[in-house]
């Protein structure tokens, strides 16, 4: 999360931000401000007032839960493509061996890249059809899940150890990718949400920034 001096509006350097004392110092003009108050101004309140279509947000005594679908029109292309890809490549390489009851090592090794491509594009296609991203925050403890049903990857984070919550461009793009992701930057870097639409990603970004700023309900 980037901060600016409330007096001269110049960017504040990370070494001049003290989370423990909740103070920020501007070396340019000497202004001292509360870090939490600067964080409050660093999110879009209007954006978090109403979740966009495809997003469900709930806040209870157990914490904050945000679920966002990754459905994307690219699925209309990816699903037929996967059927053709898998049918011709895997069917021709491995299906013929099963049909003839004879194992061919050279042919099987040749088919490994096609098998890898099927797994890769198959997972992307599934995410475009029925995938979701789920973010949970309870106090400082948080987790991110991305996948289909119970299958996917999960990463945990601690908001107290997050220095910046950014919307960052991605270097690697693939079918269904939106070209940007949410980045939690601190002791470690957690990047997620590459296949979320811009409105869904923007909503989650600002909810996390508001939680980080110490606000209560966003309703």
Protein backbone atom coordinates (compact mmCIF):
# COMPACT_ATOMS: atom_id res chain seq x y z
CA UNK A 1 0.00 0.00 0.00
CA UNK A 2 1.46 3.39 -0.98
CA UNK A 3 1.01 6.48 1.20
CA UNK A 4 1.27 10.20 0.51
CA UNK A 5 1.94 13.09 2.86
CA UNK A 6 -1.36 14.79 3.85
CA UNK A 7 0.38 18.19 3.73
CA UNK A 8 2.58 18.24 0.62
CA UNK A 9 1.13 15.09 -1.07
CA UNK A 10 4.60 13.70 -1.79
CA UNK A 11 5.09 9.91 -1.53
CA UNK A 12 6.18 8.65 1.89
CA UNK A 13 9.17 6.35 1.95
CA UNK A 14 8.74 2.88 3.54
CA UNK A 15 11.58 3.54 6.01
CA UNK A 16 9.64 6.51 7.39
CA UNK A 17 6.53 4.45 8.23
CA UNK A 18 6.31 2.95 11.71
CA UNK A 19 3.48 0.43 12.08
CA UNK A 20 4.20 -0.17 15.79
CA UNK A 21 3.79 3.50 16.76
CA UNK A 22 1.19 4.19 14.02
CA UNK A 23 3.21 7.17 12.81
CA UNK A 24 4.43 8.35 9.42
CA UNK A 25 7.05 11.04 8.81
CA UNK A 26 7.40 13.08 5.63
CA UNK A 27 11.08 13.94 5.16
CA UNK A 28 10.19 16.51 2.52
CA UNK A 29 8.16 18.85 4.73
CA UNK A 30 8.51 17.39 8.24
CA UNK A 31 4.83 16.54 8.61
CA UNK A 32 4.00 13.74 11.09
CA UNK A 33 0.70 11.87 10.64
CA UNK A 34 -1.06 8.77 11.90
CA UNK A 35 -0.42 5.84 9.60
CA UNK A 36 -3.90 4.39 10.21
CA UNK A 37 -5.53 7.64 9.08
CA UNK A 38 -3.48 7.63 5.88
CA UNK A 39 -4.51 4.02 5.27
CA UNK A 40 -8.18 4.96 5.70
CA UNK A 41 -7.84 7.31 2.73
CA UNK A 42 -6.17 4.69 0.57
CA UNK A 43 -9.23 2.64 -0.36
CA UNK A 44 -12.35 3.33 -2.40
CA UNK A 45 -15.28 3.41 0.03
CA UNK A 46 -17.81 3.51 -2.81
CA UNK A 47 -16.31 0.39 -4.37
CA UNK A 48 -16.85 -1.71 -1.25
CA UNK A 49 -20.38 -0.50 -0.54
CA UNK A 50 -21.91 -2.97 -3.01
CA UNK A 51 -20.31 -6.22 -4.21
CA UNK A 52 -20.33 -6.55 -8.02
CA UNK A 53 -22.14 -9.46 -9.74
CA UNK A 54 -20.38 -12.74 -9.07
CA UNK A 55 -19.14 -11.75 -5.61
CA UNK A 56 -20.59 -12.73 -2.23
CA UNK A 57 -19.33 -10.89 0.85
CA UNK A 58 -20.19 -11.66 4.46
CA UNK A 59 -18.94 -10.32 7.76
CA UNK A 60 -19.68 -12.14 11.02
CA UNK A 61 -18.12 -12.62 14.43
CA UNK A 62 -15.97 -15.26 12.75
CA UNK A 63 -14.43 -12.68 10.41
CA UNK A 64 -14.71 -11.62 6.78
CA UNK A 65 -15.42 -13.99 3.89
CA UNK A 66 -15.32 -12.98 0.22
CA UNK A 67 -16.17 -15.42 -2.57
CA UNK A 68 -15.79 -14.42 -6.21
CA UNK A 69 -16.44 -16.55 -9.26
CA UNK A 70 -13.83 -16.81 -11.99
CA UNK A 71 -16.37 -17.62 -14.73
CA UNK A 72 -15.26 -16.16 -18.04
CA UNK A 73 -16.60 -16.21 -21.64
CA UNK A 74 -13.27 -17.76 -22.72
CA UNK A 75 -14.81 -21.05 -21.54
CA UNK A 76 -16.87 -21.19 -24.76
CA UNK A 77 -13.56 -21.52 -26.62
CA UNK A 78 -11.50 -23.50 -24.09
CA UNK A 79 -13.95 -26.36 -23.52
CA UNK A 80 -14.30 -27.34 -27.23
CA UNK A 81 -10.56 -26.80 -27.68
CA UNK A 82 -9.79 -29.17 -24.79
CA UNK A 83 -12.10 -31.83 -26.21
CA UNK A 84 -10.34 -31.69 -29.58
CA UNK A 85 -6.86 -31.45 -28.03
CA UNK A 86 -7.38 -34.37 -25.67
CA UNK A 87 -9.25 -36.47 -28.20
CA UNK A 88 -6.67 -36.29 -30.96
CA UNK A 89 -3.43 -36.05 -28.98
CA UNK A 90 -4.03 -38.30 -25.98
CA UNK A 91 -6.41 -40.58 -27.81
CA UNK A 92 -3.97 -41.10 -30.65
CA UNK A 93 -0.90 -41.54 -28.45
CA UNK A 94 -2.18 -43.43 -25.42
CA UNK A 95 -5.59 -44.61 -26.57
CA UNK A 96 -4.08 -46.59 -29.45
CA UNK A 97 -1.71 -48.36 -27.05
CA UNK A 98 -4.58 -49.33 -24.75
CA UNK A 99 -6.64 -50.49 -27.73
CA UNK A 100 -3.82 -52.65 -29.09
CA UNK A 101 -2.76 -53.84 -25.64
CA UNK A 102 0.85 -52.95 -26.34
CA UNK A 103 3.05 -50.40 -24.53
CA UNK A 104 5.31 -48.16 -26.62
CA UNK A 105 7.90 -46.30 -24.50
CA UNK A 106 9.03 -43.86 -27.21
CA UNK A 107 5.47 -42.99 -28.11
CA UNK A 108 4.52 -42.57 -24.45
CA UNK A 109 7.44 -40.24 -23.77
CA UNK A 110 6.55 -38.23 -26.87
CA UNK A 111 3.05 -37.79 -25.47
CA UNK A 112 4.14 -36.33 -22.11
CA UNK A 113 4.08 -32.67 -23.32
CA UNK A 114 0.57 -33.24 -24.69
CA UNK A 115 -0.46 -34.75 -21.35
CA UNK A 116 0.99 -31.76 -19.51
CA UNK A 117 -0.82 -29.37 -21.85
CA UNK A 118 -4.09 -31.20 -21.23
CA UNK A 119 -3.69 -30.83 -17.46
CA UNK A 120 -2.72 -27.15 -17.74
CA UNK A 121 -5.40 -26.03 -20.19
CA UNK A 122 -7.92 -28.33 -18.54
CA UNK A 123 -7.47 -26.58 -15.19
CA UNK A 124 -7.74 -23.16 -16.87
CA UNK A 125 -10.94 -24.28 -18.63
CA UNK A 126 -12.45 -25.53 -15.36
CA UNK A 127 -11.65 -22.23 -13.63
CA UNK A 128 -13.31 -20.36 -16.50
CA UNK A 129 -16.43 -22.55 -16.17
CA UNK A 130 -16.93 -22.98 -12.42
CA UNK A 131 -13.88 -21.78 -10.50
CA UNK A 132 -13.81 -19.37 -7.57
CA UNK A 133 -11.48 -17.35 -5.37
CA UNK A 134 -12.24 -17.27 -1.66
CA UNK A 135 -10.59 -14.89 0.81
CA UNK A 136 -11.07 -15.31 4.57
CA UNK A 137 -9.82 -12.90 7.22
CA UNK A 138 -10.28 -13.40 10.96
CA UNK A 139 -8.38 -10.80 12.94
CA UNK A 140 -4.92 -10.71 11.44
CA UNK A 141 -5.05 -14.27 10.14
CA UNK A 142 -6.14 -14.73 6.55
CA UNK A 143 -6.23 -17.30 3.77
CA UNK A 144 -6.76 -17.35 0.01
CA UNK A 145 -8.22 -20.30 -1.87
CA UNK A 146 -8.45 -20.61 -5.65
CA UNK A 147 -9.92 -23.66 -7.34
CA UNK A 148 -12.98 -25.68 -8.26
CA UNK A 149 -15.04 -27.11 -5.42
CA UNK A 150 -12.63 -28.54 -2.80
CA UNK A 151 -9.79 -28.85 -5.34
CA UNK A 152 -7.27 -26.06 -5.74
CA UNK A 153 -4.52 -24.27 -3.85
CA UNK A 154 -4.67 -22.45 -0.53
CA UNK A 155 -2.22 -19.93 0.92
CA UNK A 156 -2.23 -18.28 4.34
CA UNK A 157 -1.15 -14.77 5.28
CA UNK A 158 -0.96 -12.46 8.28
CA UNK A 159 -2.26 -8.93 7.77
CA UNK A 160 0.09 -7.60 10.44
CA UNK A 161 2.97 -8.70 8.22
CA UNK A 162 1.51 -7.20 5.02
CA UNK A 163 3.06 -3.83 4.13
CA UNK A 164 1.26 -3.25 0.83
CA UNK A 165 -1.93 -4.44 -0.87
CA UNK A 166 -1.54 -3.72 -4.57
CA UNK A 167 -3.25 -4.21 -7.91
CA UNK A 168 -0.29 -5.28 -10.01
CA UNK A 169 0.13 -6.14 -13.68
CA UNK A 170 1.18 -9.72 -14.39
CA UNK A 171 4.07 -10.64 -16.68
CA UNK A 172 2.64 -13.99 -17.69
CA UNK A 173 -0.75 -14.09 -19.41
CA UNK A 174 -2.86 -17.10 -20.42
CA UNK A 175 -6.43 -17.66 -21.70
CA UNK A 176 -8.80 -16.26 -19.08
CA UNK A 177 -6.14 -14.12 -17.43
CA UNK A 178 -7.11 -10.48 -16.88
CA UNK A 179 -3.54 -9.20 -17.00
CA UNK A 180 -3.45 -8.12 -13.34
CA UNK A 181 -3.62 -9.61 -9.87
CA UNK A 182 -3.89 -8.71 -6.19
CA UNK A 183 -0.51 -8.72 -4.45
CA UNK A 184 -0.03 -8.89 -0.68
CA UNK A 185 3.51 -7.68 -0.15
CA UNK A 186 5.40 -8.01 3.11
CA UNK A 187 7.80 -10.58 4.53
CA UNK A 188 6.58 -12.78 1.72
CA UNK A 189 4.68 -12.00 -1.47
CA UNK A 190 1.28 -13.55 -2.16
CA UNK A 191 -0.22 -13.02 -5.62
CA UNK A 192 -3.73 -14.15 -6.56
CA UNK A 193 -6.84 -13.26 -8.56
CA UNK A 194 -5.27 -13.23 -12.02
CA UNK A 195 -8.42 -14.79 -13.50
CA UNK A 196 -10.86 -12.47 -11.70
CA UNK A 197 -12.66 -9.77 -13.66
CA UNK A 198 -11.51 -6.21 -13.00
CA UNK A 199 -14.62 -5.29 -10.96
CA UNK A 200 -14.34 -8.40 -8.74
CA UNK A 201 -10.62 -7.96 -8.25
CA UNK A 202 -11.08 -4.26 -7.42
CA UNK A 203 -13.75 -5.07 -4.83
CA UNK A 204 -11.58 -7.65 -3.03
CA UNK A 205 -8.58 -5.30 -3.18
CA UNK A 206 -10.45 -2.49 -1.45
CA UNK A 207 -12.10 -4.73 1.14
CA UNK A 208 -8.67 -6.03 2.15
CA UNK A 209 -7.31 -2.49 2.31
CA UNK A 210 -10.20 -1.44 4.51
CA UNK A 211 -9.73 -4.40 6.84
CA UNK A 212 -6.01 -3.62 6.97
CA UNK A 213 -6.79 -0.03 7.87
CA UNK A 214 -8.65 -1.25 10.93
CA UNK A 215 -12.16 -0.34 9.88
CA UNK A 216 -15.05 -2.41 11.17
CA UNK A 217 -18.09 -3.24 9.04
CA UNK A 218 -18.04 -2.14 5.43
CA UNK A 219 -21.82 -2.30 5.15
